[in-house]
Amino acid sequence: MSGHAPIPDDSDAHLREQVVLSEFVYEGHFIRLKRDLVRLPDGREAVREYVVHPGAVMIVALLPDGRLVLERQYRHPVGQVMLEFPAGKLDAGEGGLACARRELLEETGYRARRWARAGIMHPVIGYANEFIELWFADGLTSGERQLDEGEFLDVFSATQDELEAWVRDGKLTDVKTIVGLMWLQQWRAGRWSLSWQDEPDAGR
């Protein structure tokens, strides 16, 4: 039996659910809660409740000495300060790279000379449609942070070895950051590639 997951195609029809009715039951500052009535593959009906999220980006920012830019930020839902790569949600109509540039500058003060999009992840598929684009940033220059009102976080740097040890020891548990670390490991080992693009405004 092959260890590879099948490529989705029409043969997935026996797994798909069809939406019968859909309604928003809560609309907050940036997330909304939706309730769908769906028809299951066997014809029965079920209710699906999930968070509608605008999407986000995360940035693996590489310092000249090889260290990574990290943040310490209090996350209210889990009630603790978390270790994370810089990240933030997309504004309406905003592209991934534009968001990555903006969030890196606002949260850390860094600008990048070149960027590479590594891919996309869906961190909480059981109860949200959230997606996070993963970007790498290189050729960093430092500047002043531009934190949003009410935003408090510390910026620091760490080595890849330190991040790996923190994951092993349970000090780093943020899933998006762990995925970013995996991408970093594979890229630095030469197993995965990145397509870099120069920052058009780098000379400004």
Protein backbone atom coordinates (compact mmCIF):
# COMPACT_ATOMS: atom_id res chain seq x y z
CA MET A 1 0.00 0.00 0.00
CA SER A 2 1.41 3.37 -0.98
CA GLY A 3 2.35 5.84 1.75
CA HIS A 4 1.38 8.81 -0.41
CA ALA A 5 -2.01 10.50 -0.02
CA PRO A 6 -4.11 10.39 -3.20
CA ILE A 7 -4.40 13.52 -5.29
CA PRO A 8 -7.92 14.99 -4.83
CA ASP A 9 -10.11 14.52 -7.92
CA ASP A 10 -13.63 13.44 -8.80
CA SER A 11 -13.06 10.20 -6.91
CA ASP A 12 -13.44 12.24 -3.69
CA ALA A 13 -17.18 12.59 -4.34
CA HIS A 14 -17.97 9.83 -1.84
CA LEU A 15 -16.39 11.96 0.90
CA ARG A 16 -17.74 15.43 0.10
CA GLU A 17 -20.57 17.17 1.93
CA GLN A 18 -23.06 19.48 0.19
CA VAL A 19 -24.25 22.69 1.85
CA VAL A 20 -28.04 22.87 2.16
CA LEU A 21 -28.37 26.00 4.32
CA SER A 22 -25.79 28.47 5.61
CA GLU A 23 -25.98 31.30 8.14
CA PHE A 24 -23.73 33.53 10.21
CA VAL A 25 -24.54 33.21 13.91
CA TYR A 26 -21.90 35.63 15.20
CA GLU A 27 -19.90 38.46 13.64
CA GLY A 28 -17.03 39.94 15.63
CA HIS A 29 -14.16 42.33 15.05
CA PHE A 30 -12.33 40.09 12.56
CA ILE A 31 -13.79 36.59 12.80
CA ARG A 32 -17.28 35.30 12.15
CA LEU A 33 -18.99 32.11 13.27
CA LYS A 34 -20.96 30.21 10.65
CA ARG A 35 -23.43 27.35 10.93
CA ASP A 36 -24.07 25.16 7.89
CA LEU A 37 -26.60 22.42 7.37
CA VAL A 38 -24.92 19.86 5.13
CA ARG A 39 -25.97 16.73 3.31
CA LEU A 40 -23.62 13.85 4.03
CA PRO A 41 -22.43 11.39 1.36
CA ASP A 42 -25.01 8.86 2.56
CA GLY A 43 -27.88 11.36 2.21
CA ARG A 44 -28.35 12.17 5.87
CA GLU A 45 -27.98 15.73 7.18
CA ALA A 46 -25.66 17.21 9.81
CA VAL A 47 -24.71 20.60 11.25
CA ARG A 48 -21.25 22.08 10.82
CA GLU A 49 -20.16 25.10 12.90
CA TYR A 50 -16.90 26.86 12.12
CA VAL A 51 -14.99 30.11 12.34
CA VAL A 52 -14.65 32.18 9.16
CA HIS A 53 -11.20 33.80 9.24
CA PRO A 54 -9.71 36.34 6.81
CA GLY A 55 -6.42 34.47 6.49
CA ALA A 56 -2.93 35.36 7.67
CA VAL A 57 0.77 35.26 6.92
CA MET A 58 3.82 34.13 8.88
CA ILE A 59 7.38 35.21 8.21
CA VAL A 60 10.58 33.20 8.73
CA ALA A 61 12.98 36.15 8.81
CA LEU A 62 16.68 35.32 8.42
CA LEU A 63 19.30 37.53 10.05
CA PRO A 64 22.76 37.88 8.43
CA ASP A 65 24.33 35.63 11.09
CA GLY A 66 21.77 32.88 10.42
CA ARG A 67 19.64 33.53 13.47
CA LEU A 68 15.87 33.86 13.20
CA VAL A 69 13.62 36.73 14.23
CA LEU A 70 11.16 35.63 16.93
CA GLU A 71 8.50 37.22 19.09
CA ARG A 72 7.13 36.70 22.58
CA GLN A 73 3.45 37.60 22.75
CA TYR A 74 0.64 36.95 25.20
CA ARG A 75 -2.17 34.95 23.59
CA HIS A 76 -5.41 35.30 25.54
CA PRO A 77 -7.20 32.11 24.34
CA VAL A 78 -4.44 29.93 25.84
CA GLY A 79 -3.59 32.32 28.68
CA GLN A 80 0.16 32.36 28.19
CA VAL A 81 3.04 34.08 26.46
CA MET A 82 3.94 32.22 23.29
CA LEU A 83 7.14 32.00 21.24
CA GLU A 84 6.35 32.66 17.58
CA PHE A 85 7.64 33.73 14.21
CA PRO A 86 6.20 37.15 13.20
CA ALA A 87 2.69 36.81 11.81
CA GLY A 88 -0.52 38.69 11.23
CA LYS A 89 -3.89 38.60 9.52
CA LEU A 90 -4.65 39.80 6.03
CA ASP A 91 -6.47 43.09 5.59
CA ALA A 92 -9.39 43.15 3.17
CA GLY A 93 -8.09 42.87 -0.41
CA GLU A 94 -4.47 42.54 0.71
CA GLY A 95 -2.11 40.05 -0.95
CA GLY A 96 0.15 37.71 0.96
CA LEU A 97 3.45 39.44 0.17
CA ALA A 98 2.06 42.88 0.95
CA CYS A 99 0.80 41.58 4.28
CA ALA A 100 4.13 39.90 5.05
CA ARG A 101 6.03 43.13 4.35
CA ARG A 102 3.64 45.14 6.50
CA GLU A 103 3.56 42.74 9.44
CA LEU A 104 7.35 42.28 9.52
CA LEU A 105 7.87 46.05 9.60
CA GLU A 106 5.09 46.81 12.05
CA GLU A 107 5.95 44.10 14.56
CA THR A 108 9.74 43.92 14.32
CA GLY A 109 10.99 47.04 12.49
CA TYR A 110 12.77 44.90 9.90
CA ARG A 111 12.62 45.31 6.13
CA ALA A 112 13.77 42.54 3.78
CA ARG A 113 15.77 42.71 0.55
CA ARG A 114 14.24 39.53 -0.86
CA TRP A 115 11.25 37.27 -0.23
CA ALA A 116 10.18 33.71 -0.98
CA ARG A 117 6.75 32.15 -0.59
CA ALA A 118 7.12 28.66 0.85
CA GLY A 119 3.48 27.61 0.77
CA ILE A 120 0.24 27.60 2.71
CA MET A 121 -1.04 25.81 5.79
CA HIS A 122 -4.47 25.22 7.33
CA PRO A 123 -3.82 25.12 11.09
CA VAL A 124 -7.27 24.31 12.52
CA ILE A 125 -9.24 22.42 9.86
CA GLY A 126 -11.71 20.96 12.33
CA TYR A 127 -13.34 24.26 13.28
CA ALA A 128 -12.03 27.11 11.10
CA ASN A 129 -11.29 27.92 7.45
CA GLU A 130 -8.17 29.86 8.43
CA PHE A 131 -5.17 29.63 6.10
CA ILE A 132 -1.68 30.97 6.73
CA GLU A 133 0.78 31.78 3.95
CA LEU A 134 4.38 31.01 4.87
CA TRP A 135 6.98 33.53 3.68
CA PHE A 136 10.77 33.64 4.04
CA ALA A 137 12.50 37.03 4.31
CA ASP A 138 16.24 37.62 3.81
CA GLY A 139 18.62 40.57 3.63
CA LEU A 140 17.14 42.25 6.67
CA THR A 141 17.74 45.85 7.71
CA SER A 142 16.49 47.10 11.05
CA GLY A 143 14.32 50.11 11.81
CA GLU A 144 11.56 51.32 14.10
CA ARG A 145 8.60 49.14 14.95
CA GLN A 146 5.09 50.38 14.22
CA LEU A 147 2.95 48.36 16.60
CA ASP A 148 -0.82 48.63 16.43
CA GLU A 149 -2.60 50.28 19.34
CA GLY A 150 -3.01 47.74 22.12
CA GLU A 151 -0.33 45.43 20.71
CA PHE A 152 2.45 44.35 23.05
CA LEU A 153 5.23 41.96 22.11
CA ASP A 154 8.96 41.40 22.54
CA VAL A 155 11.26 40.81 19.56
CA PHE A 156 14.35 38.64 19.91
CA SER A 157 16.51 36.30 17.85
CA ALA A 158 17.37 32.64 18.20
CA THR A 159 19.25 29.92 16.37
CA GLN A 160 17.65 26.98 14.61
CA ASP A 161 19.15 24.67 17.22
CA GLU A 162 17.50 26.68 19.99
CA LEU A 163 14.12 26.50 18.28
CA GLU A 164 14.45 22.74 17.85
CA ALA A 165 15.28 22.34 21.54
CA TRP A 166 12.31 24.48 22.57
CA VAL A 167 9.97 22.34 20.47
CA ARG A 168 11.44 19.17 21.97
CA ASP A 169 11.08 20.54 25.51
CA GLY A 170 7.55 21.85 25.02
CA LYS A 171 8.52 25.51 25.36
CA LEU A 172 7.52 26.26 21.76
CA THR A 173 4.09 24.85 20.95
CA ASP A 174 2.71 27.28 18.33
CA VAL A 175 1.87 25.10 15.34
CA LYS A 176 2.55 27.67 12.61
CA THR A 177 6.01 28.33 14.03
CA ILE A 178 6.72 24.60 14.17
CA VAL A 179 5.72 24.28 10.50
CA GLY A 180 7.97 27.23 9.67
CA LEU A 181 10.83 25.53 11.50
CA MET A 182 10.22 22.34 9.50
CA TRP A 183 10.41 24.32 6.26
CA LEU A 184 13.61 25.99 7.44
CA GLN A 185 15.18 22.63 8.28
CA GLN A 186 14.32 21.15 4.89
CA TRP A 187 15.49 24.21 2.96
CA ARG A 188 18.79 24.49 4.81
CA ALA A 189 19.38 20.78 4.30
CA GLY A 190 18.92 21.25 0.54
CA ARG A 191 15.87 18.99 0.34
CA TRP A 192 13.31 21.72 -0.39
CA SER A 193 13.82 24.78 -2.57
CA LEU A 194 12.66 28.38 -2.40
CA SER A 195 12.09 30.79 -5.30
CA TRP A 196 13.36 34.16 -4.16
CA GLN A 197 12.19 37.50 -5.47
CA ASP A 198 13.90 40.82 -4.84
CA GLU A 199 12.05 43.46 -2.91
CA PRO A 200 11.24 46.23 -5.45
CA ASP A 201 11.48 48.92 -2.78
CA ALA A 202 14.69 47.64 -1.21
CA GLY A 203 16.75 50.52 -2.51
CA ARG A 204 14.52 53.21 -1.07
